């Protein structure tokens, strides 16, 4: 999968608040589908569908331990998102710096007038 396709899959997976909540829970460690479903008012198959989206995006891996299928977070795609966002950080920081300079200039003008 190309970087753009990976980013698209990751952003699509992160677009849903339930999936973001599942990832937040997996940050704490492995969990079964049943454990992941506990805080949600939805069926196990519905949670499994959300997990499939996260798996396809590479954000979740399912292991196998006898009958237990633990889910684990794989944060590698999030690093790619972070790298992509870094390009925009410089853009926003420059804008914030210009805004701060304009505000300082106006404050100085206001102080001189007073």
PDB file of N, CA and C in Angstrom:
ATOM      1  N   UNK A   1       0.852  -1.173   0.000  1.00  0.00           N
ATOM      2  CA  UNK A   1       0.000   0.000   0.000  1.00  0.00           C
ATOM      3  C   UNK A   1       0.896   1.234   0.000  1.00  0.00           C
ATOM      4  N   UNK A   2       0.575   2.202  -0.866  1.00  0.00           N
ATOM      5  CA  UNK A   2       1.391   3.413  -0.906  1.00  0.00           C
ATOM      6  C   UNK A   2       1.149   4.246   0.342  1.00  0.00           C
ATOM      7  N   UNK A   3       2.061   5.217   0.562  1.00  0.00           N
ATOM      8  CA  UNK A   3       1.927   6.086   1.741  1.00  0.00           C
ATOM      9  C   UNK A   3       0.594   6.814   1.747  1.00  0.00           C
ATOM     10  N   UNK A   4       0.171   7.308   0.587  1.00  0.00           N
ATOM     11  CA  UNK A   4      -1.092   8.035   0.518  1.00  0.00           C
ATOM     12  C   UNK A   4      -2.238   7.095   0.847  1.00  0.00           C
ATOM     13  N   UNK A   5      -2.220   5.874   0.286  1.00  0.00           N
ATOM     14  CA  UNK A   5      -3.273   4.908   0.588  1.00  0.00           C
ATOM     15  C   UNK A   5      -3.268   4.549   2.066  1.00  0.00           C
ATOM     16  N   UNK A   6      -2.082   4.415   2.651  1.00  0.00           N
ATOM     17  CA  UNK A   6      -1.982   4.115   4.077  1.00  0.00           C
ATOM     18  C   UNK A   6      -2.577   5.258   4.885  1.00  0.00           C
ATOM     19  N   UNK A   7      -2.240   6.487   4.519  1.00  0.00           N
ATOM     20  CA  UNK A   7      -2.805   7.644   5.212  1.00  0.00           C
ATOM     21  C   UNK A   7      -4.321   7.682   5.068  1.00  0.00           C
ATOM     22  N   UNK A   8      -4.819   7.406   3.881  1.00  0.00           N
ATOM     23  CA  UNK A   8      -6.264   7.421   3.665  1.00  0.00           C
ATOM     24  C   UNK A   8      -6.951   6.372   4.536  1.00  0.00           C
ATOM     25  N   UNK A   9      -6.391   5.180   4.585  1.00  0.00           N
ATOM     26  CA  UNK A   9      -6.973   4.116   5.412  1.00  0.00           C
ATOM     27  C   UNK A   9      -6.924   4.487   6.890  1.00  0.00           C
ATOM     28  N   UNK A  10      -5.821   5.087   7.307  1.00  0.00           N
ATOM     29  CA  UNK A  10      -5.681   5.472   8.712  1.00  0.00           C
ATOM     30  C   UNK A  10      -6.672   6.574   9.065  1.00  0.00           C
ATOM     31  N   UNK A  11      -6.746   7.603   8.228  1.00  0.00           N
ATOM     32  CA  UNK A  11      -7.689   8.694   8.503  1.00  0.00           C
ATOM     33  C   UNK A  11      -9.133   8.187   8.464  1.00  0.00           C
ATOM     34  N   UNK A  12      -9.453   7.296   7.542  1.00  0.00           N
ATOM     35  CA  UNK A  12     -10.809   6.746   7.471  1.00  0.00           C
ATOM     36  C   UNK A  12     -11.131   5.968   8.751  1.00  0.00           C
ATOM     37  N   UNK A  13     -10.162   5.208   9.238  1.00  0.00           N
ATOM     38  CA  UNK A  13     -10.380   4.442  10.471  1.00  0.00           C
ATOM     39  C   UNK A  13     -10.542   5.375  11.671  1.00  0.00           C
ATOM     40  N   UNK A  14      -9.778   6.451  11.694  1.00  0.00           N
ATOM     41  CA  UNK A  14      -9.827   7.388  12.821  1.00  0.00           C
ATOM     42  C   UNK A  14     -11.038   8.320  12.758  1.00  0.00           C
ATOM     43  N   UNK A  15     -11.745   8.336  11.647  1.00  0.00           N
ATOM     44  CA  UNK A  15     -12.875   9.254  11.488  1.00  0.00           C
ATOM     45  C   UNK A  15     -14.040   8.912  12.407  1.00  0.00           C
ATOM     46  N   UNK A  16     -14.097   7.686  12.888  1.00  0.00           N
ATOM     47  CA  UNK A  16     -15.221   7.268  13.720  1.00  0.00           C
ATOM     48  C   UNK A  16     -14.856   7.343  15.201  1.00  0.00           C
ATOM     49  N   UNK A  17     -15.684   7.996  16.029  1.00  0.00           N
ATOM     50  CA  UNK A  17     -15.359   8.134  17.457  1.00  0.00           C
ATOM     51  C   UNK A  17     -15.300   6.797  18.202  1.00  0.00           C
ATOM     52  N   UNK A  18     -16.085   5.818  17.780  1.00  0.00           N
ATOM     53  CA  UNK A  18     -16.020   4.503  18.433  1.00  0.00           C
ATOM     54  C   UNK A  18     -14.659   3.861  18.195  1.00  0.00           C
ATOM     55  N   UNK A  19     -14.167   3.962  16.975  1.00  0.00           N
ATOM     56  CA  UNK A  19     -12.855   3.372  16.674  1.00  0.00           C
ATOM     57  C   UNK A  19     -11.741   4.100  17.418  1.00  0.00           C
ATOM     58  N   UNK A  20     -11.868   5.428  17.542  1.00  0.00           N
ATOM     59  CA  UNK A  20     -10.863   6.159  18.329  1.00  0.00           C
ATOM     60  C   UNK A  20     -10.906   5.712  19.788  1.00  0.00           C
ATOM     61  N   UNK A  21     -12.097   5.470  20.304  1.00  0.00           N
ATOM     62  CA  UNK A  21     -12.226   4.995  21.692  1.00  0.00           C
ATOM     63  C   UNK A  21     -11.630   3.593  21.841  1.00  0.00           C
ATOM     64  N   UNK A  22     -11.812   2.743  20.846  1.00  0.00           N
ATOM     65  CA  UNK A  22     -11.217   1.405  20.893  1.00  0.00           C
ATOM     66  C   UNK A  22      -9.695   1.501  20.912  1.00  0.00           C
ATOM     67  N   UNK A  23      -9.138   2.373  20.091  1.00  0.00           N
ATOM     68  CA  UNK A  23      -7.680   2.560  20.083  1.00  0.00           C
ATOM     69  C   UNK A  23      -7.192   3.097  21.422  1.00  0.00           C
ATOM     70  N   UNK A  24      -7.940   4.034  21.993  1.00  0.00           N
ATOM     71  CA  UNK A  24      -7.557   4.586  23.299  1.00  0.00           C
ATOM     72  C   UNK A  24      -7.526   3.477  24.345  1.00  0.00           C
ATOM     73  N   UNK A  25      -8.500   2.587  24.296  1.00  0.00           N
ATOM     74  CA  UNK A  25      -8.519   1.473  25.249  1.00  0.00           C
ATOM     75  C   UNK A  25      -7.330   0.551  25.011  1.00  0.00           C
ATOM     76  N   UNK A  26      -6.977   0.293  23.747  1.00  0.00           N
ATOM     77  CA  UNK A  26      -5.861  -0.600  23.435  1.00  0.00           C
ATOM     78  C   UNK A  26      -4.504   0.007  23.778  1.00  0.00           C
ATOM     79  N   UNK A  27      -4.456   1.325  23.948  1.00  0.00           N
ATOM     80  CA  UNK A  27      -3.212   1.956  24.428  1.00  0.00           C
ATOM     81  C   UNK A  27      -2.842   1.410  25.794  1.00  0.00           C
ATOM     82  N   UNK A  28      -3.842   0.996  26.567  1.00  0.00           N
ATOM     83  CA  UNK A  28      -3.614   0.471  27.916  1.00  0.00           C
ATOM     84  C   UNK A  28      -3.123  -0.974  27.902  1.00  0.00           C
ATOM     85  N   UNK A  29      -3.263  -1.668  26.771  1.00  0.00           N
ATOM     86  CA  UNK A  29      -2.815  -3.047  26.665  1.00  0.00           C
ATOM     87  C   UNK A  29      -3.814  -3.905  25.917  1.00  0.00           C
ATOM     88  N   UNK A  30      -3.451  -5.171  25.741  1.00  0.00           N
ATOM     89  CA  UNK A  30      -4.289  -6.120  25.012  1.00  0.00           C
ATOM     90  C   UNK A  30      -5.677  -6.236  25.630  1.00  0.00           C
ATOM     91  N   UNK A  31      -6.637  -6.569  24.776  1.00  0.00           N
ATOM     92  CA  UNK A  31      -8.007  -6.784  25.245  1.00  0.00           C
ATOM     93  C   UNK A  31      -8.730  -7.674  24.248  1.00  0.00           C
ATOM     94  N   UNK A  32      -9.700  -8.419  24.739  1.00  0.00           N
ATOM     95  CA  UNK A  32     -10.545  -9.224  23.863  1.00  0.00           C
ATOM     96  C   UNK A  32     -11.650  -8.345  23.299  1.00  0.00           C
ATOM     97  N   UNK A  33     -12.341  -8.863  22.294  1.00  0.00           N
ATOM     98  CA  UNK A  33     -13.467  -8.126  21.716  1.00  0.00           C
ATOM     99  C   UNK A  33     -14.518  -7.879  22.793  1.00  0.00           C
ATOM    100  N   UNK A  34     -14.758  -8.877  23.630  1.00  0.00           N
ATOM    101  CA  UNK A  34     -15.743  -8.731  24.706  1.00  0.00           C
ATOM    102  C   UNK A  34     -15.345  -7.609  25.658  1.00  0.00           C
ATOM    103  N   UNK A  35     -14.076  -7.561  26.028  1.00  0.00           N
ATOM    104  CA  UNK A  35     -13.604  -6.494  26.921  1.00  0.00           C
ATOM    105  C   UNK A  35     -13.716  -5.138  26.246  1.00  0.00           C
ATOM    106  N   UNK A  36     -13.396  -5.087  24.956  1.00  0.00           N
ATOM    107  CA  UNK A  36     -13.474  -3.820  24.228  1.00  0.00           C
ATOM    108  C   UNK A  36     -14.915  -3.348  24.070  1.00  0.00           C
ATOM    109  N   UNK A  37     -15.856  -4.285  23.991  1.00  0.00           N
ATOM    110  CA  UNK A  37     -17.264  -3.935  23.779  1.00  0.00           C
ATOM    111  C   UNK A  37     -17.953  -3.446  25.042  1.00  0.00           C
ATOM    112  N   UNK A  38     -17.402  -3.750  26.211  1.00  0.00           N
ATOM    113  CA  UNK A  38     -18.071  -3.444  27.482  1.00  0.00           C
ATOM    114  C   UNK A  38     -18.613  -2.023  27.602  1.00  0.00           C
ATOM    115  N   UNK A  39     -17.841  -0.982  27.296  1.00  0.00           N
ATOM    116  CA  UNK A  39     -18.375   0.376  27.523  1.00  0.00           C
ATOM    117  C   UNK A  39     -19.372   0.854  26.461  1.00  0.00           C
ATOM    118  N   UNK A  40     -19.593   0.060  25.415  1.00  0.00           N
ATOM    119  CA  UNK A  40     -20.437   0.510  24.310  1.00  0.00           C
ATOM    120  C   UNK A  40     -21.793  -0.172  24.336  1.00  0.00           C
ATOM    121  N   UNK A  41     -22.810   0.562  23.934  1.00  0.00           N
ATOM    122  CA  UNK A  41     -24.160   0.014  23.813  1.00  0.00           C
ATOM    123  C   UNK A  41     -24.333  -0.506  22.390  1.00  0.00           C
ATOM    124  N   UNK A  42     -23.532  -1.523  22.051  1.00  0.00           N
ATOM    125  CA  UNK A  42     -23.630  -2.131  20.721  1.00  0.00           C
ATOM    126  C   UNK A  42     -23.285  -3.605  20.830  1.00  0.00           C
ATOM    127  N   UNK A  43     -23.646  -4.345  19.824  1.00  0.00           N
ATOM    128  CA  UNK A  43     -23.431  -5.785  19.828  1.00  0.00           C
ATOM    129  C   UNK A  43     -21.961  -6.127  19.592  1.00  0.00           C
ATOM    130  N   UNK A  44     -21.586  -7.352  19.948  1.00  0.00           N
ATOM    131  CA  UNK A  44     -20.223  -7.816  19.675  1.00  0.00           C
ATOM    132  C   UNK A  44     -19.921  -7.808  18.175  1.00  0.00           C
ATOM    133  N   UNK A  45     -20.858  -8.225  17.313  1.00  0.00           N
ATOM    134  CA  UNK A  45     -20.571  -8.139  15.878  1.00  0.00           C
ATOM    135  C   UNK A  45     -20.310  -6.696  15.408  1.00  0.00           C
ATOM    136  N   UNK A  46     -21.015  -5.729  15.988  1.00  0.00           N
ATOM    137  CA  UNK A  46     -20.779  -4.326  15.606  1.00  0.00           C
ATOM    138  C   UNK A  46     -19.379  -3.891  16.016  1.00  0.00           C
ATOM    139  N   UNK A  47     -18.956  -4.266  17.222  1.00  0.00           N
ATOM    140  CA  UNK A  47     -17.599  -3.938  17.668  1.00  0.00           C
ATOM    141  C   UNK A  47     -16.584  -4.648  16.775  1.00  0.00           C
ATOM    142  N   UNK A  48     -16.872  -5.895  16.420  1.00  0.00           N
ATOM    143  CA  UNK A  48     -15.970  -6.644  15.532  1.00  0.00           C
ATOM    144  C   UNK A  48     -15.820  -5.955  14.180  1.00  0.00           C
ATOM    145  N   UNK A  49     -16.905  -5.384  13.668  1.00  0.00           N
ATOM    146  CA  UNK A  49     -16.804  -4.656  12.392  1.00  0.00           C
ATOM    147  C   UNK A  49     -15.898  -3.437  12.528  1.00  0.00           C
ATOM    148  N   UNK A  50     -16.014  -2.726  13.645  1.00  0.00           N
ATOM    149  CA  UNK A  50     -15.111  -1.587  13.878  1.00  0.00           C
ATOM    150  C   UNK A  50     -13.659  -2.069  13.950  1.00  0.00           C
ATOM    151  N   UNK A  51     -13.434  -3.174  14.624  1.00  0.00           N
ATOM    152  CA  UNK A  51     -12.079  -3.720  14.740  1.00  0.00           C
ATOM    153  C   UNK A  51     -11.535  -4.141  13.383  1.00  0.00           C
ATOM    154  N   UNK A  52     -12.394  -4.654  12.499  1.00  0.00           N
ATOM    155  CA  UNK A  52     -11.955  -5.031  11.147  1.00  0.00           C
ATOM    156  C   UNK A  52     -11.436  -3.816  10.390  1.00  0.00           C
ATOM    157  N   UNK A  53     -12.136  -2.683  10.532  1.00  0.00           N
ATOM    158  CA  UNK A  53     -11.685  -1.446   9.879  1.00  0.00           C
ATOM    159  C   UNK A  53     -10.306  -1.061  10.423  1.00  0.00           C
ATOM    160  N   UNK A  54     -10.140  -1.143  11.745  1.00  0.00           N
ATOM    161  CA  UNK A  54      -8.856  -0.813  12.362  1.00  0.00           C
ATOM    162  C   UNK A  54      -7.771  -1.791  11.929  1.00  0.00           C
ATOM    163  N   UNK A  55      -8.129  -3.058  11.778  1.00  0.00           N
ATOM    164  CA  UNK A  55      -7.159  -4.055  11.297  1.00  0.00           C
ATOM    165  C   UNK A  55      -6.731  -3.755   9.864  1.00  0.00           C
ATOM    166  N   UNK A  56      -7.706  -3.462   8.995  1.00  0.00           N
ATOM    167  CA  UNK A  56      -7.370  -3.159   7.597  1.00  0.00           C
ATOM    168  C   UNK A  56      -6.464  -1.940   7.501  1.00  0.00           C
ATOM    169  N   UNK A  57      -6.618  -0.993   8.414  1.00  0.00           N
ATOM    170  CA  UNK A  57      -5.761   0.202   8.432  1.00  0.00           C
ATOM    171  C   UNK A  57      -4.415  -0.082   9.083  1.00  0.00           C
ATOM    172  N   UNK A  58      -4.238  -1.271   9.633  1.00  0.00           N
ATOM    173  CA  UNK A  58      -2.970  -1.637  10.257  1.00  0.00           C
ATOM    174  C   UNK A  58      -2.821  -1.129  11.675  1.00  0.00           C
ATOM    175  N   UNK A  59      -3.909  -0.648  12.271  1.00  0.00           N
ATOM    176  CA  UNK A  59      -3.845  -0.069  13.615  1.00  0.00           C
ATOM    177  C   UNK A  59      -4.057  -1.095  14.724  1.00  0.00           C
ATOM    178  N   UNK A  60      -4.619  -2.241  14.377  1.00  0.00           N
ATOM    179  CA  UNK A  60      -4.903  -3.286  15.362  1.00  0.00           C
ATOM    180  C   UNK A  60      -4.462  -4.628  14.795  1.00  0.00           C
ATOM    181  N   UNK A  61      -3.860  -5.425  15.656  1.00  0.00           N
ATOM    182  CA  UNK A  61      -3.507  -6.803  15.322  1.00  0.00           C
ATOM    183  C   UNK A  61      -4.238  -7.715  16.278  1.00  0.00           C
ATOM    184  N   UNK A  62      -4.702  -8.851  15.757  1.00  0.00           N
ATOM    185  CA  UNK A  62      -5.334  -9.847  16.621  1.00  0.00           C
ATOM    186  C   UNK A  62      -4.389 -11.039  16.740  1.00  0.00           C
ATOM    187  N   UNK A  63      -4.153 -11.433  17.983  1.00  0.00           N
ATOM    188  CA  UNK A  63      -3.325 -12.595  18.236  1.00  0.00           C
ATOM    189  C   UNK A  63      -4.177 -13.830  18.427  1.00  0.00           C
ATOM    190  N   UNK A  64      -3.531 -14.897  18.830  1.00  0.00           N
ATOM    191  CA  UNK A  64      -4.271 -16.123  19.117  1.00  0.00           C
ATOM    192  C   UNK A  64      -3.603 -16.788  20.308  1.00  0.00           C
ATOM    193  N   UNK A  65      -4.377 -16.958  21.355  1.00  0.00           N
ATOM    194  CA  UNK A  65      -3.903 -17.625  22.568  1.00  0.00           C
ATOM    195  C   UNK A  65      -5.003 -18.587  22.989  1.00  0.00           C
ATOM    196  N   UNK A  66      -4.928 -19.822  22.499  1.00  0.00           N
ATOM    197  CA  UNK A  66      -5.976 -20.825  22.698  1.00  0.00           C
ATOM    198  C   UNK A  66      -7.277 -20.257  22.118  1.00  0.00           C
ATOM    199  N   UNK A  67      -8.325 -20.137  22.921  1.00  0.00           N
ATOM    200  CA  UNK A  67      -9.594 -19.590  22.444  1.00  0.00           C
ATOM    201  C   UNK A  67      -9.632 -18.073  22.539  1.00  0.00           C
ATOM    202  N   UNK A  68      -8.685 -17.505  23.199  1.00  0.00           N
ATOM    203  CA  UNK A  68      -8.635 -16.062  23.416  1.00  0.00           C
ATOM    204  C   UNK A  68      -7.982 -15.399  22.218  1.00  0.00           C
ATOM    205  N   UNK A  69      -8.603 -14.359  21.662  1.00  0.00           N
ATOM    206  CA  UNK A  69      -8.064 -13.619  20.508  1.00  0.00           C
ATOM    207  C   UNK A  69      -7.764 -12.191  20.942  1.00  0.00           C
ATOM    208  N   UNK A  70      -6.627 -11.977  21.605  1.00  0.00           N
ATOM    209  CA  UNK A  70      -6.341 -10.619  22.092  1.00  0.00           C
ATOM    210  C   UNK A  70      -6.069  -9.646  20.942  1.00  0.00           C
ATOM    211  N   UNK A  71      -6.579  -8.451  21.098  1.00  0.00           N
ATOM    212  CA  UNK A  71      -6.333  -7.369  20.142  1.00  0.00           C
ATOM    213  C   UNK A  71      -5.225  -6.493  20.710  1.00  0.00           C
ATOM    214  N   UNK A  72      -4.345  -6.048  19.831  1.00  0.00           N
ATOM    215  CA  UNK A  72      -3.235  -5.183  20.239  1.00  0.00           C
ATOM    216  C   UNK A  72      -3.170  -3.971  19.325  1.00  0.00           C
ATOM    217  N   UNK A  73      -2.780  -2.863  19.895  1.00  0.00           N
ATOM    218  CA  UNK A  73      -2.574  -1.635  19.133  1.00  0.00           C
ATOM    219  C   UNK A  73      -1.267  -1.738  18.367  1.00  0.00           C
ATOM    220  N   UNK A  74      -1.287  -1.319  17.105  1.00  0.00           N
ATOM    221  CA  UNK A  74      -0.070  -1.163  16.308  1.00  0.00           C
ATOM    222  C   UNK A  74      -0.023   0.303  15.900  1.00  0.00           C
ATOM    223  N   UNK A  75       0.843   1.068  16.520  1.00  0.00           N
ATOM    224  CA  UNK A  75       0.860   2.521  16.327  1.00  0.00           C
ATOM    225  C   UNK A  75       1.652   2.970  15.097  1.00  0.00           C
ATOM    226  N   UNK A  76       2.239   2.049  14.339  1.00  0.00           N
ATOM    227  CA  UNK A  76       3.053   2.445  13.186  1.00  0.00           C
ATOM    228  C   UNK A  76       2.303   3.363  12.218  1.00  0.00           C
ATOM    229  N   UNK A  77       1.053   3.072  11.848  1.00  0.00           N
ATOM    230  CA  UNK A  77       0.356   4.005  10.943  1.00  0.00           C
ATOM    231  C   UNK A  77       0.162   5.393  11.549  1.00  0.00           C
ATOM    232  N   UNK A  78       0.089   5.476  12.868  1.00  0.00           N
ATOM    233  CA  UNK A  78      -0.057   6.789  13.508  1.00  0.00           C
ATOM    234  C   UNK A  78       1.227   7.602  13.378  1.00  0.00           C
ATOM    235  N   UNK A  79       2.366   6.921  13.320  1.00  0.00           N
ATOM    236  CA  UNK A  79       3.634   7.644  13.079  1.00  0.00           C
ATOM    237  C   UNK A  79       3.613   8.285  11.701  1.00  0.00           C
ATOM    238  N   UNK A  80       3.046   7.578  10.725  1.00  0.00           N
ATOM    239  CA  UNK A  80       2.944   8.146   9.377  1.00  0.00           C
ATOM    240  C   UNK A  80       2.038   9.376   9.380  1.00  0.00           C
ATOM    241  N   UNK A  81       0.960   9.325  10.124  1.00  0.00           N
ATOM    242  CA  UNK A  81       0.067  10.487  10.255  1.00  0.00           C
ATOM    243  C   UNK A  81       0.835  11.637  10.889  1.00  0.00           C
ATOM    244  N   UNK A  82       1.593  11.339  11.937  1.00  0.00           N
ATOM    245  CA  UNK A  82       2.365  12.370  12.615  1.00  0.00           C
ATOM    246  C   UNK A  82       3.362  13.020  11.655  1.00  0.00           C
ATOM    247  N   UNK A  83       4.020  12.221  10.839  1.00  0.00           N
ATOM    248  CA  UNK A  83       4.975  12.771   9.864  1.00  0.00           C
ATOM    249  C   UNK A  83       4.258  13.667   8.855  1.00  0.00           C
ATOM    250  N   UNK A  84       3.080  13.253   8.422  1.00  0.00           N
ATOM    251  CA  UNK A  84       2.313  14.035   7.466  1.00  0.00           C
ATOM    252  C   UNK A  84       1.887  15.359   8.087  1.00  0.00           C
ATOM    253  N   UNK A  85       1.453  15.319   9.340  1.00  0.00           N
ATOM    254  CA  UNK A  85       0.986  16.523  10.031  1.00  0.00           C
ATOM    255  C   UNK A  85       2.143  17.486  10.306  1.00  0.00           C
ATOM    256  N   UNK A  86       3.344  16.972  10.504  1.00  0.00           N
ATOM    257  CA  UNK A  86       4.498  17.841  10.789  1.00  0.00           C
ATOM    258  C   UNK A  86       4.679  18.912   9.725  1.00  0.00           C
ATOM    259  N   UNK A  87       4.394  18.575   8.491  1.00  0.00           N
ATOM    260  CA  UNK A  87       4.513  19.560   7.406  1.00  0.00           C
ATOM    261  C   UNK A  87       3.589  20.744   7.601  1.00  0.00           C
ATOM    262  N   UNK A  88       2.471  20.522   8.233  1.00  0.00           N
ATOM    263  CA  UNK A  88       1.511  21.592   8.472  1.00  0.00           C
ATOM    264  C   UNK A  88       1.802  22.343   9.756  1.00  0.00           C
ATOM    265  N   UNK A  89       2.526  21.727  10.664  1.00  0.00           N
ATOM    266  CA  UNK A  89       2.878  22.424  11.909  1.00  0.00           C
ATOM    267  C   UNK A  89       3.689  23.675  11.617  1.00  0.00           C
ATOM    268  N   UNK A  90       4.672  23.566  10.741  1.00  0.00           N
ATOM    269  CA  UNK A  90       5.497  24.727  10.395  1.00  0.00           C
ATOM    270  C   UNK A  90       4.623  25.830   9.804  1.00  0.00           C
ATOM    271  N   UNK A  91       3.670  25.458   8.973  1.00  0.00           N
ATOM    272  CA  UNK A  91       2.756  26.423   8.376  1.00  0.00           C
ATOM    273  C   UNK A  91       1.991  27.174   9.456  1.00  0.00           C
ATOM    274  N   UNK A  92       1.410  26.440  10.415  1.00  0.00           N
ATOM    275  CA  UNK A  92       0.622  27.082  11.468  1.00  0.00           C
ATOM    276  C   UNK A  92       1.500  27.868  12.432  1.00  0.00           C
ATOM    277  N   UNK A  93       2.674  27.358  12.746  1.00  0.00           N
ATOM    278  CA  UNK A  93       3.563  28.095  13.643  1.00  0.00           C
ATOM    279  C   UNK A  93       3.959  29.430  13.037  1.00  0.00           C
ATOM    280  N   UNK A  94       4.215  29.444  11.735  1.00  0.00           N
ATOM    281  CA  UNK A  94       4.555  30.699  11.064  1.00  0.00           C
ATOM    282  C   UNK A  94       3.382  31.673  11.147  1.00  0.00           C
ATOM    283  N   UNK A  95       2.178  31.182  10.955  1.00  0.00           N
ATOM    284  CA  UNK A  95       0.996  32.054  11.038  1.00  0.00           C
ATOM    285  C   UNK A  95       0.808  32.580  12.458  1.00  0.00           C
ATOM    286  N   UNK A  96       1.010  31.719  13.453  1.00  0.00           N
ATOM    287  CA  UNK A  96       0.884  32.149  14.846  1.00  0.00           C
ATOM    288  C   UNK A  96       1.958  33.182  15.181  1.00  0.00           C
ATOM    289  N   UNK A  97       3.157  32.989  14.671  1.00  0.00           N
ATOM    290  CA  UNK A  97       4.233  33.955  14.913  1.00  0.00           C
ATOM    291  C   UNK A  97       3.880  35.306  14.304  1.00  0.00           C
ATOM    292  N   UNK A  98       3.320  35.308  13.093  1.00  0.00           N
ATOM    293  CA  UNK A  98       2.917  36.572  12.455  1.00  0.00           C
ATOM    294  C   UNK A  98       1.791  37.235  13.234  1.00  0.00           C
ATOM    295  N   UNK A  99       0.832  36.441  13.709  1.00  0.00           N
ATOM    296  CA  UNK A  99      -0.264  36.979  14.503  1.00  0.00           C
ATOM    297  C   UNK A  99       0.270  37.581  15.801  1.00  0.00           C
ATOM    298  N   UNK A 100       1.186  36.885  16.457  1.00  0.00           N
ATOM    299  CA  UNK A 100       1.764  37.401  17.702  1.00  0.00           C
ATOM    300  C   UNK A 100       2.498  38.717  17.443  1.00  0.00           C
ATOM    301  N   UNK A 101       3.210  38.801  16.322  1.00  0.00           N
ATOM    302  CA  UNK A 101       3.919  40.039  15.984  1.00  0.00           C
ATOM    303  C   UNK A 101       2.927  41.179  15.746  1.00  0.00           C
ATOM    304  N   UNK A 102       1.831  40.899  15.052  1.00  0.00           N
ATOM    305  CA  UNK A 102       0.822  41.934  14.811  1.00  0.00           C
ATOM    306  C   UNK A 102       0.168  42.384  16.112  1.00  0.00           C
ATOM    307  N   UNK A 103      -0.128  41.445  16.988  1.00  0.00           N
ATOM    308  CA  UNK A 103      -0.723  41.806  18.272  1.00  0.00           C
ATOM    309  C   UNK A 103       0.232  42.653  19.103  1.00  0.00           C
ATOM    310  N   UNK A 104       1.501  42.297  19.098  1.00  0.00           N
ATOM    311  CA  UNK A 104       2.492  43.068  19.845  1.00  0.00           C
ATOM    312  C   UNK A 104       2.610  44.477  19.274  1.00  0.00           C
ATOM    313  N   UNK A 105       2.569  44.580  17.957  1.00  0.00           N
ATOM    314  CA  UNK A 105       2.645  45.888  17.307  1.00  0.00           C
ATOM    315  C   UNK A 105       1.425  46.738  17.678  1.00  0.00           C
ATOM    316  N   UNK A 106       0.257  46.150  17.672  1.00  0.00           N
ATOM    317  CA  UNK A 106      -0.956  46.907  18.029  1.00  0.00           C
ATOM    318  C   UNK A 106      -0.955  47.313  19.491  1.00  0.00           C
ATOM    319  N   UNK A 107      -0.472  46.412  20.344  1.00  0.00           N
ATOM    320  CA  UNK A 107      -0.376  46.761  21.769  1.00  0.00           C
ATOM    321  C   UNK A 107       0.560  47.942  21.975  1.00  0.00           C
ATOM    322  N   UNK A 108       1.671  47.908  21.250  1.00  0.00           N
ATOM    323  CA  UNK A 108       2.643  49.012  21.355  1.00  0.00           C
ATOM    324  C   UNK A 108       2.010  50.320  20.858  1.00  0.00           C
ATOM    325  N   UNK A 109       1.265  50.257  19.756  1.00  0.00           N
ATOM    326  CA  UNK A 109       0.597  51.451  19.244  1.00  0.00           C
ATOM    327  C   UNK A 109      -0.435  51.955  20.249  1.00  0.00           C
ATOM    328  N   UNK A 110      -1.185  51.043  20.854  1.00  0.00           N
ATOM    329  CA  UNK A 110      -2.212  51.409  21.833  1.00  0.00           C
ATOM    330  C   UNK A 110      -1.563  52.031  23.073  1.00  0.00           C
ATOM    331  N   UNK A 111      -0.440  51.506  23.497  1.00  0.00           N
ATOM    332  CA  UNK A 111       0.273  52.023  24.664  1.00  0.00           C
ATOM    333  C   UNK A 111       0.801  53.433  24.375  1.00  0.00           C
ATOM    334  N   UNK A 112       1.302  53.650  23.156  1.00  0.00           N
ATOM    335  CA  UNK A 112       1.812  54.969  22.794  1.00  0.00           C
ATOM    336  C   UNK A 112       0.692  56.002  22.771  1.00  0.00           C
ATOM    337  N   UNK A 113      -0.502  55.592  22.353  1.00  0.00           N
ATOM    338  CA  UNK A 113      -1.632  56.504  22.274  1.00  0.00           C
ATOM    339  C   UNK A 113      -2.161  56.886  23.643  1.00  0.00           C
ATOM    340  N   UNK A 114      -2.008  55.993  24.617  1.00  0.00           N
ATOM    341  CA  UNK A 114      -2.583  56.220  25.939  1.00  0.00           C
ATOM    342  C   UNK A 114      -1.787  57.186  26.771  1.00  0.00           C
TER     343      UNK A 114
END
